[in-house]
Amino acid sequence: MERKHTSGPRRPTAIFEVAGVECALTFLTEERQNRMKAQVTPREVSLVSNTWPTLIKPYPLMISLMQIAITAVIILISTHLLPKGPLTQFGVGFSAWDGQHYTEIAKQGYGNFVQTAFFPMYPLLIRAFHSITQISYTTSATLLANAAYAVSTVLFYRLTKEWFSKDVAWRALWLLAVIPAGLFFNVDYTESITLLSLLSFFYFLQKDKWYIAMISGFVAAGTHDLGVLLTIPALIHWRVTSGTRKQLLSIGLIPLSLLSYMSFLFVHFGNPIAFVYAQQAWHRIPLIPVIDLFLGFAGLKFYPVSVADWVHNLMTIVNGLSPLLMVISGWWVWKEKRFDLGLKAFYTITLLLDISSGTGKTPFSPSILTSFARLVVVLFPAYMVLAAKLKHRRSFVSALIVMFLIKITLTALFSDGFSIL
C-alpha cells in the first residue's frame, strides 16, 4: 500500500550509487530553509556578527599562510645552501639587520642611545611571548610578526570587501601578498604589527567599536613613530559623528603611548626625544618629497661589475618606484568617496613624512632612497584603489608574477647578508 505524505510538500531527493550502495540526498525546500532562518533570533545574529571568529575567513588566511610558508622556505634555502653575502655581521635569516636590535632590546632593554630609534611595543610583545612560552627571543619575534600578518590579511580582506566588492578585495589581497617590500611582514621587523594596528583602528572605528579602535591606536603609536598620527582621523571621526566627551578623552590613549616612551627616555637617557637624535646614526638627511625620488635614480650604476652593484640597482629601483606608486595612488585615494576624510588625511601626511627624509650615502646604504619601500608598505588604502583600477586580468596577473619574483629575490638577499633595506 502506497504511503501518503500529509505533513507538507515532499522534499526532493537525488539518488546516486556509491560503491554499489544506493544513497539518497534530501534537499531542503525553500520553505524549510526560511523556517530554519526564522529560528535564529536577532540577538543570536548580533552575538555572532560581533565576535572575532567571524572575521576569520579561510581563503584570505590560506593566502597569508601560503606566503609565510614560501618566505620560510626561501630563507632556509638562502641561509643554508647559497653563498653568504658581504654583510653577515648584521645577521642572517629572519632576524637580520633591524631584527637584531628588536630581539636584543627584548632581552636586555635599551643598552645604548642608538637603540632608542626602535620603538618599544614590538620588543615588549616579544619579551611577553618569550616569558609565556619559554621559546627563544628570535623565534618569538618571528612568530609574532607572522601571526600579526596573518590576522592583518583577514582584516584587510574584510575591510576592502565592505568598502568596495569581493572581487576588489581578492585583487587587493594578492597585491598585498606579493608586493616586494612585503617581505618585511614576515621577518623580525615591526611592519606586520604596524599594519595590524592600523587596520584594526580603521576597521573598528567604522564599526563604532570606539574603544577597541583607540587601543589599536595606542599599539600603533608604541610601534611606529608615525602611529601617533592616528590622533587626526580619530578627532575627525569624533567630530563628524558628534561623539561623547568620554570618547574625546579616550583619544588621548594614542598620544599617551608616545608620551610614555618619551618619559622613559627622559628618565634613562635624559632626552625625551632621543629617538629623533638617534636617527643620526643612519645619517638621515632632509629630502624634497617626490622630487628627490627621481633624483635618487641618478645613483643607479649603469655598468655594474659585481653582485653588490646589481643589488644596489635593484634596491634603488624598488625604493624609488614603491613610493612613487603610493603617490600616484594618493590621487585615487582622495577621489575615492568610500574613504572618509580622516583616512585620506592620515594616508597623505604619513606618506609625505615617510619620503621627506632619507639616508646619507654610507657603505651600507649607498642610496638616499634606502628603506623607502619598507616605510610605505603599510599604507593599505593604496592596495585597495590599485585593485579597483587593475581590472584587466592578464595585466594584473603579469604584474603579480613580476612583483612575486622580485620579492623572492629580495627575501633571499635580505636573509643572506646583503644590504636589502
Protein backbone atom coordinates (compact mmCIF):
# COMPACT_ATOMS: atom_id res chain seq x y z
CA MET A 1 0.00 0.00 0.00
CA GLU A 2 1.43 3.37 -1.02
CA ARG A 3 2.20 5.65 1.89
CA LYS A 4 0.72 9.11 1.72
CA HIS A 5 2.63 12.21 2.82
CA THR A 6 0.40 14.56 4.76
CA SER A 7 2.98 16.74 6.53
CA GLY A 8 3.57 19.22 3.73
CA PRO A 9 5.25 19.20 0.35
CA ARG A 10 7.67 16.37 -0.22
CA ARG A 11 11.34 17.31 -0.17
CA PRO A 12 13.12 16.44 -3.40
CA THR A 13 15.71 13.68 -3.28
CA ALA A 14 18.59 12.70 -5.51
CA ILE A 15 19.51 9.02 -5.79
CA PHE A 16 23.09 8.05 -6.57
CA GLU A 17 25.23 4.96 -6.10
CA VAL A 18 28.47 4.81 -4.11
CA ALA A 19 30.40 1.51 -4.03
CA GLY A 20 27.29 -0.39 -5.09
CA VAL A 21 25.11 1.11 -2.36
CA GLU A 22 22.21 3.39 -3.19
CA CYS A 23 22.27 6.66 -1.28
CA ALA A 24 19.72 9.46 -1.14
CA LEU A 25 20.43 13.14 -0.65
CA THR A 26 17.50 15.16 0.63
CA PHE A 27 17.49 18.82 -0.28
CA LEU A 28 15.84 21.41 1.86
CA THR A 29 12.94 23.14 0.22
CA GLU A 30 12.86 26.90 0.15
CA GLU A 31 10.06 26.84 2.71
CA ARG A 32 12.13 24.70 5.07
CA GLN A 33 15.16 26.99 4.68
CA ASN A 34 13.05 30.01 5.54
CA ARG A 35 11.70 28.29 8.67
CA MET A 36 15.26 27.47 9.77
CA LYS A 37 16.40 31.06 9.26
CA ALA A 38 13.41 32.32 11.25
CA GLN A 39 14.53 30.26 14.24
CA VAL A 40 17.64 32.45 14.65
CA THR A 41 16.82 35.39 16.86
CA PRO A 42 18.15 38.91 16.21
CA ARG A 43 20.14 38.65 19.44
CA GLU A 44 21.88 35.49 18.20
CA VAL A 45 22.72 37.18 14.92
CA SER A 46 24.14 40.16 16.81
CA LEU A 47 26.26 37.94 19.03
CA VAL A 48 27.67 36.05 16.06
CA SER A 49 28.37 39.11 13.96
CA ASN A 50 30.22 40.87 16.76
CA THR A 51 32.72 38.12 17.55
CA TRP A 52 36.26 37.88 16.27
CA PRO A 53 35.87 34.36 14.79
CA THR A 54 33.51 35.72 12.13
CA LEU A 55 36.45 37.71 10.80
CA ILE A 56 38.44 34.56 10.12
CA LYS A 57 37.70 33.73 6.52
CA PRO A 58 39.56 30.60 5.35
CA TYR A 59 40.69 31.79 1.94
CA PRO A 60 42.37 35.08 2.94
CA LEU A 61 44.05 33.19 5.76
CA MET A 62 45.20 30.49 3.34
CA ILE A 63 46.85 33.09 1.11
CA SER A 64 48.76 34.59 4.03
CA LEU A 65 49.82 31.18 5.36
CA MET A 66 50.96 30.14 1.90
CA GLN A 67 53.04 33.30 1.60
CA ILE A 68 54.54 32.77 5.06
CA ALA A 69 55.49 29.21 4.12
CA ILE A 70 57.11 30.34 0.86
CA THR A 71 59.09 33.02 2.71
CA ALA A 72 60.28 30.49 5.28
CA VAL A 73 61.43 28.06 2.57
CA ILE A 74 63.31 30.81 0.71
CA ILE A 75 65.07 31.95 3.89
CA LEU A 76 66.02 28.39 4.83
CA ILE A 77 67.43 27.73 1.36
CA SER A 78 69.33 31.03 1.18
CA THR A 79 70.88 30.73 4.63
CA HIS A 80 71.93 27.08 4.28
CA LEU A 81 72.61 26.47 0.60
CA LEU A 82 73.56 29.77 -1.06
CA PRO A 83 76.90 31.62 -0.72
CA LYS A 84 76.91 34.21 2.05
CA GLY A 85 76.80 37.93 1.32
CA PRO A 86 79.35 40.51 2.49
CA LEU A 87 77.38 41.80 5.50
CA THR A 88 76.58 38.72 7.55
CA GLN A 89 77.78 40.54 10.68
CA PHE A 90 74.39 42.28 10.62
CA GLY A 91 72.60 38.97 10.90
CA VAL A 92 71.09 36.35 8.61
CA GLY A 93 67.73 34.65 8.39
CA PHE A 94 64.61 36.18 9.90
CA SER A 95 66.50 38.41 12.37
CA ALA A 96 68.86 40.21 10.01
CA TRP A 97 69.51 43.95 10.30
CA ASP A 98 66.90 45.71 12.47
CA GLY A 99 65.64 42.37 13.73
CA GLN A 100 68.79 42.02 15.81
CA HIS A 101 68.03 45.30 17.60
CA TYR A 102 64.46 44.31 18.44
CA THR A 103 65.44 40.93 19.90
CA GLU A 104 68.36 42.46 21.83
CA ILE A 105 66.08 45.15 23.30
CA ALA A 106 63.59 42.44 24.25
CA LYS A 107 66.38 40.54 26.05
CA GLN A 108 68.30 43.30 27.78
CA GLY A 109 66.39 46.55 27.37
CA TYR A 110 67.76 49.67 25.71
CA GLY A 111 71.50 49.29 26.07
CA ASN A 112 72.63 52.36 24.14
CA PHE A 113 71.42 55.65 22.72
CA VAL A 114 71.23 54.41 19.12
CA GLN A 115 68.69 51.74 20.02
CA THR A 116 66.17 54.37 21.11
CA ALA A 117 65.28 54.77 17.42
CA PHE A 118 63.41 51.46 17.76
CA PHE A 119 60.05 51.91 19.45
CA PRO A 120 59.25 49.65 22.43
CA MET A 121 55.93 47.92 21.63
CA TYR A 122 57.39 45.11 19.50
CA PRO A 123 60.22 44.31 21.97
CA LEU A 124 57.68 44.30 24.81
CA LEU A 125 55.48 41.84 22.93
CA ILE A 126 58.50 39.65 22.16
CA ARG A 127 59.52 39.63 25.81
CA ALA A 128 55.98 38.79 26.96
CA PHE A 129 55.64 35.98 24.41
CA HIS A 130 59.01 34.57 25.43
CA SER A 131 58.06 34.68 29.12
CA ILE A 132 54.84 32.78 28.44
CA THR A 133 56.16 30.17 26.01
CA GLN A 134 59.84 29.95 27.03
CA ILE A 135 60.88 29.72 23.38
CA SER A 136 63.81 31.79 22.13
CA TYR A 137 63.54 35.54 21.64
CA THR A 138 64.30 35.21 17.94
CA THR A 139 61.62 32.58 17.38
CA SER A 140 59.17 34.63 19.46
CA ALA A 141 59.82 37.67 17.28
CA THR A 142 59.29 35.68 14.08
CA LEU A 143 56.10 34.01 15.29
CA LEU A 144 54.62 37.31 16.48
CA ALA A 145 55.40 39.08 13.21
CA ASN A 146 53.86 36.33 11.09
CA ALA A 147 50.81 35.89 13.31
CA ALA A 148 50.16 39.63 13.10
CA TYR A 149 50.48 39.49 9.33
CA ALA A 150 48.06 36.55 9.05
CA VAL A 151 45.40 38.39 11.06
CA SER A 152 46.10 41.56 9.08
CA THR A 153 45.27 39.85 5.79
CA VAL A 154 41.89 38.75 7.13
CA LEU A 155 41.05 42.23 8.38
CA PHE A 156 42.32 43.78 5.17
CA TYR A 157 40.16 41.49 3.04
CA ARG A 158 37.10 42.14 5.20
CA LEU A 159 37.57 45.91 5.14
CA THR A 160 38.17 46.05 1.38
CA LYS A 161 35.15 43.86 0.71
CA GLU A 162 32.91 46.15 2.76
CA TRP A 163 34.20 49.31 1.13
CA PHE A 164 34.44 48.01 -2.45
CA SER A 165 33.48 44.49 -3.52
CA LYS A 166 34.55 40.88 -3.18
CA ASP A 167 36.46 40.95 -6.47
CA VAL A 168 38.37 44.09 -5.50
CA ALA A 169 39.11 42.56 -2.09
CA TRP A 170 40.67 39.49 -3.69
CA ARG A 171 42.83 41.54 -6.04
CA ALA A 172 43.91 43.84 -3.22
CA LEU A 173 44.80 40.85 -1.07
CA TRP A 174 47.02 39.42 -3.80
CA LEU A 175 48.74 42.79 -4.22
CA LEU A 176 49.45 42.90 -0.50
CA ALA A 177 50.80 39.34 -0.65
CA VAL A 178 53.30 39.87 -3.47
CA ILE A 179 54.42 43.49 -3.03
CA PRO A 180 58.25 43.26 -2.89
CA ALA A 181 58.69 45.17 0.37
CA GLY A 182 56.10 42.84 1.90
CA LEU A 183 59.00 40.57 2.84
CA PHE A 184 59.29 42.73 5.97
CA PHE A 185 55.88 41.47 7.11
CA ASN A 186 57.38 38.02 7.63
CA VAL A 187 60.72 38.80 9.27
CA ASP A 188 61.56 40.30 12.66
CA TYR A 189 60.51 43.85 11.81
CA THR A 190 57.59 45.96 13.04
CA GLU A 191 55.77 46.29 9.71
CA SER A 192 53.27 43.49 10.41
CA ILE A 193 52.43 44.83 13.89
CA THR A 194 52.04 48.31 12.41
CA LEU A 195 49.79 47.05 9.61
CA LEU A 196 47.60 45.11 12.03
CA SER A 197 47.19 48.05 14.41
CA LEU A 198 46.34 50.44 11.54
CA LEU A 199 43.79 48.06 10.03
CA SER A 200 42.27 47.35 13.45
CA PHE A 201 41.99 51.06 14.16
CA PHE A 202 40.09 51.90 10.97
CA TYR A 203 38.06 48.69 10.96
CA PHE A 204 36.72 49.14 14.47
CA LEU A 205 36.33 52.88 14.04
CA GLN A 206 33.93 52.36 11.15
CA LYS A 207 32.12 49.68 13.18
CA ASP A 208 31.68 52.19 16.03
CA LYS A 209 33.78 49.99 18.31
CA TRP A 210 35.36 53.17 19.59
CA TYR A 211 37.47 51.96 22.49
CA ILE A 212 38.89 48.96 20.63
CA ALA A 213 39.93 51.41 17.90
CA MET A 214 41.66 53.65 20.46
CA ILE A 215 43.53 50.67 21.94
CA SER A 216 44.66 49.80 18.41
CA GLY A 217 45.89 53.38 18.04
CA PHE A 218 47.78 53.03 21.32
CA VAL A 219 49.57 49.96 19.95
CA ALA A 220 50.34 51.72 16.65
CA ALA A 221 51.85 54.75 18.40
CA GLY A 222 54.05 52.49 20.52
CA THR A 223 55.21 50.51 17.49
CA HIS A 224 55.96 53.21 14.91
CA ASP A 225 56.88 56.86 15.33
CA LEU A 226 54.13 57.93 12.91
CA GLY A 227 51.46 55.87 14.67
CA VAL A 228 50.60 58.91 16.77
CA LEU A 229 49.15 60.47 13.61
CA LEU A 230 46.08 58.28 14.12
CA THR A 231 45.00 61.02 16.51
CA ILE A 232 43.97 63.01 13.41
CA PRO A 233 41.41 60.55 11.96
CA ALA A 234 40.18 59.84 15.50
CA LEU A 235 39.42 63.53 16.08
CA ILE A 236 37.81 63.90 12.65
CA HIS A 237 35.61 60.85 13.21
CA TRP A 238 34.64 62.10 16.67
CA ARG A 239 33.66 65.47 15.24
CA VAL A 240 31.69 64.07 12.30
CA THR A 241 29.77 61.57 14.43
CA SER A 242 29.18 64.05 17.28
CA GLY A 243 30.94 61.77 19.73
CA THR A 244 30.73 61.97 23.50
CA ARG A 245 33.12 63.70 25.86
CA LYS A 246 34.23 60.30 27.14
CA GLN A 247 35.16 59.29 23.61
CA LEU A 248 37.09 62.52 23.14
CA LEU A 249 39.10 61.84 26.27
CA SER A 250 39.83 58.29 25.14
CA ILE A 251 41.57 59.65 22.02
CA GLY A 252 44.32 60.59 24.45
CA LEU A 253 45.31 56.91 24.56
CA ILE A 254 47.04 57.33 21.20
CA PRO A 255 49.49 60.12 22.16
CA LEU A 256 49.76 58.58 25.65
CA SER A 257 51.66 55.68 24.11
CA LEU A 258 54.26 58.03 22.64
CA LEU A 259 54.38 60.17 25.79
CA SER A 260 55.05 57.07 27.90
CA TYR A 261 58.04 56.19 25.74
CA MET A 262 59.28 59.79 25.88
CA SER A 263 59.04 59.71 29.68
CA PHE A 264 61.09 56.52 29.73
CA LEU A 265 63.72 58.12 27.51
CA PHE A 266 63.89 61.20 29.73
CA VAL A 267 64.47 59.09 32.84
CA HIS A 268 67.07 56.74 31.30
CA PHE A 269 68.79 58.93 28.70
CA GLY A 270 67.99 62.46 29.82
CA ASN A 271 66.33 63.29 26.49
CA PRO A 272 62.61 62.69 25.81
CA ILE A 273 63.15 62.84 22.05
CA ALA A 274 66.24 60.64 21.99
CA PHE A 275 64.63 58.58 19.21
CA VAL A 276 64.83 61.66 16.95
CA TYR A 277 68.53 62.26 17.61
CA ALA A 278 69.25 58.54 17.28
CA GLN A 279 68.37 58.84 13.59
CA GLN A 280 71.77 60.49 13.12
CA ALA A 281 73.30 57.01 13.32
CA TRP A 282 71.66 56.34 9.96
CA HIS A 283 72.83 59.69 8.56
CA ARG A 284 69.27 60.92 8.00
CA ILE A 285 69.04 63.97 5.73
CA PRO A 286 66.03 66.08 4.70
CA LEU A 287 64.63 65.49 1.23
CA ILE A 288 62.18 67.26 -1.03
CA PRO A 289 59.19 64.90 -1.34
CA VAL A 290 58.63 63.40 -4.80
CA ILE A 291 61.39 65.46 -6.47
CA ASP A 292 64.19 63.63 -4.66
CA LEU A 293 62.57 60.32 -5.57
CA PHE A 294 63.52 61.00 -9.18
CA LEU A 295 66.95 62.29 -8.18
CA GLY A 296 67.54 59.03 -6.32
CA PHE A 297 67.57 57.17 -9.62
CA ALA A 298 70.73 59.08 -10.52
CA GLY A 299 72.51 56.72 -8.14
CA LEU A 300 71.97 53.76 -10.47
CA LYS A 301 75.18 52.09 -11.61
CA PHE A 302 74.84 51.72 -15.36
CA TYR A 303 77.89 49.46 -15.62
CA PRO A 304 77.52 47.03 -12.71
CA VAL A 305 80.61 44.91 -12.21
CA SER A 306 79.74 42.99 -9.04
CA VAL A 307 76.84 41.34 -7.26
CA ALA A 308 76.75 44.30 -4.87
CA ASP A 309 76.27 46.67 -7.83
CA TRP A 310 73.34 44.62 -9.13
CA VAL A 311 71.79 44.50 -5.66
CA HIS A 312 72.22 48.27 -5.34
CA ASN A 313 70.47 48.86 -8.65
CA LEU A 314 67.61 46.54 -7.75
CA MET A 315 67.05 48.23 -4.40
CA THR A 316 67.28 51.72 -5.91
CA ILE A 317 64.54 50.81 -8.39
CA VAL A 318 62.32 49.19 -5.74
CA ASN A 319 62.84 52.00 -3.21
CA GLY A 320 62.14 54.60 -5.89
CA LEU A 321 59.14 53.06 -7.64
CA SER A 322 57.32 51.95 -4.47
CA PRO A 323 56.77 55.45 -3.02
CA LEU A 324 56.05 56.83 -6.50
CA LEU A 325 53.30 54.25 -6.81
CA MET A 326 51.96 55.34 -3.43
CA VAL A 327 52.00 58.99 -4.54
CA ILE A 328 50.03 58.13 -7.69
CA SER A 329 47.64 56.03 -5.62
CA GLY A 330 47.20 59.00 -3.31
CA TRP A 331 45.37 60.84 -6.09
CA TRP A 332 42.85 58.00 -6.32
CA VAL A 333 42.63 57.76 -2.53
CA TRP A 334 41.48 61.38 -2.36
CA LYS A 335 39.00 60.87 -5.19
CA GLU A 336 37.55 57.75 -3.57
CA LYS A 337 34.25 58.61 -1.88
CA ARG A 338 34.30 55.41 0.17
CA PHE A 339 37.20 56.74 2.23
CA ASP A 340 36.46 59.32 4.88
CA LEU A 341 38.47 62.49 5.43
CA GLY A 342 40.36 61.02 8.38
CA LEU A 343 41.77 58.11 6.38
CA LYS A 344 42.71 60.39 3.48
CA ALA A 345 44.48 62.82 5.81
CA PHE A 346 46.37 60.03 7.58
CA TYR A 347 47.47 58.49 4.28
CA THR A 348 48.72 61.79 2.87
CA ILE A 349 50.55 63.07 5.95
CA THR A 350 52.19 59.71 6.63
CA LEU A 351 53.33 59.33 3.03
CA LEU A 352 54.80 62.84 2.89
CA LEU A 353 56.68 62.37 6.17
CA ASP A 354 57.99 58.97 5.05
CA ILE A 355 59.56 60.42 1.89
CA SER A 356 60.71 63.75 3.37
CA SER A 357 63.95 62.35 4.81
CA GLY A 358 66.45 59.81 3.55
CA THR A 359 69.77 58.27 4.50
CA GLY A 360 73.07 59.84 3.64
CA LYS A 361 75.29 57.69 1.48
CA THR A 362 77.20 55.12 3.53
CA PRO A 363 78.84 51.79 2.63
CA PHE A 364 75.72 50.03 3.95
CA SER A 365 73.13 52.35 2.38
CA PRO A 366 74.63 53.98 -0.72
CA SER A 367 71.28 55.42 -1.85
CA ILE A 368 69.24 58.29 -0.40
CA LEU A 369 66.16 56.15 -1.10
CA THR A 370 67.14 53.43 1.37
CA SER A 371 64.13 51.93 3.22
CA PHE A 372 61.52 53.95 1.30
CA ALA A 373 59.75 50.83 0.02
CA ARG A 374 59.59 49.42 3.55
CA LEU A 375 58.33 52.65 5.09
CA VAL A 376 55.36 52.99 2.74
CA VAL A 377 54.39 49.31 2.54
CA VAL A 378 51.84 49.66 5.38
CA LEU A 379 49.76 52.30 3.57
CA PHE A 380 46.96 49.85 2.86
CA PRO A 381 44.48 52.20 1.07
CA ALA A 382 46.84 52.18 -1.93
CA TYR A 383 46.30 48.45 -2.49
CA MET A 384 42.55 48.96 -2.43
CA VAL A 385 42.44 51.70 -5.06
CA LEU A 386 45.02 49.93 -7.23
CA ALA A 387 42.96 46.74 -7.10
CA ALA A 388 39.88 48.72 -8.10
CA LYS A 389 41.73 50.11 -11.13
CA LEU A 390 43.50 46.93 -12.25
CA LYS A 391 40.57 45.15 -13.87
CA HIS A 392 42.34 43.66 -16.89
CA ARG A 393 43.04 40.07 -15.85
CA ARG A 394 46.14 39.44 -17.96
CA SER A 395 47.81 42.71 -16.93
CA PHE A 396 47.00 42.09 -13.29
CA VAL A 397 48.40 38.54 -13.30
CA SER A 398 51.53 39.72 -15.14
CA ALA A 399 52.10 42.40 -12.50
CA LEU A 400 51.67 39.83 -9.73
CA ILE A 401 54.23 37.50 -11.29
CA VAL A 402 56.84 40.25 -11.72
CA MET A 403 56.38 41.52 -8.15
CA PHE A 404 56.47 38.00 -6.75
CA LEU A 405 59.76 37.20 -8.48
CA ILE A 406 61.29 40.44 -7.18
CA LYS A 407 60.04 39.64 -3.70
CA ILE A 408 61.60 36.17 -3.78
CA THR A 409 64.92 37.68 -4.85
CA LEU A 410 64.85 40.34 -2.13
CA THR A 411 63.93 37.80 0.54
CA ALA A 412 66.88 35.58 -0.36
CA LEU A 413 69.29 38.53 -0.41
CA PHE A 414 67.98 40.02 2.84
CA SER A 415 68.40 36.80 4.77
CA ASP A 416 71.85 36.05 3.38
CA GLY A 417 73.97 39.07 4.26
CA PHE A 418 73.14 41.65 1.59
CA SER A 419 72.05 45.24 2.16
CA ILE A 420 68.32 44.93 1.49
CA LEU A 421 66.68 47.75 3.44
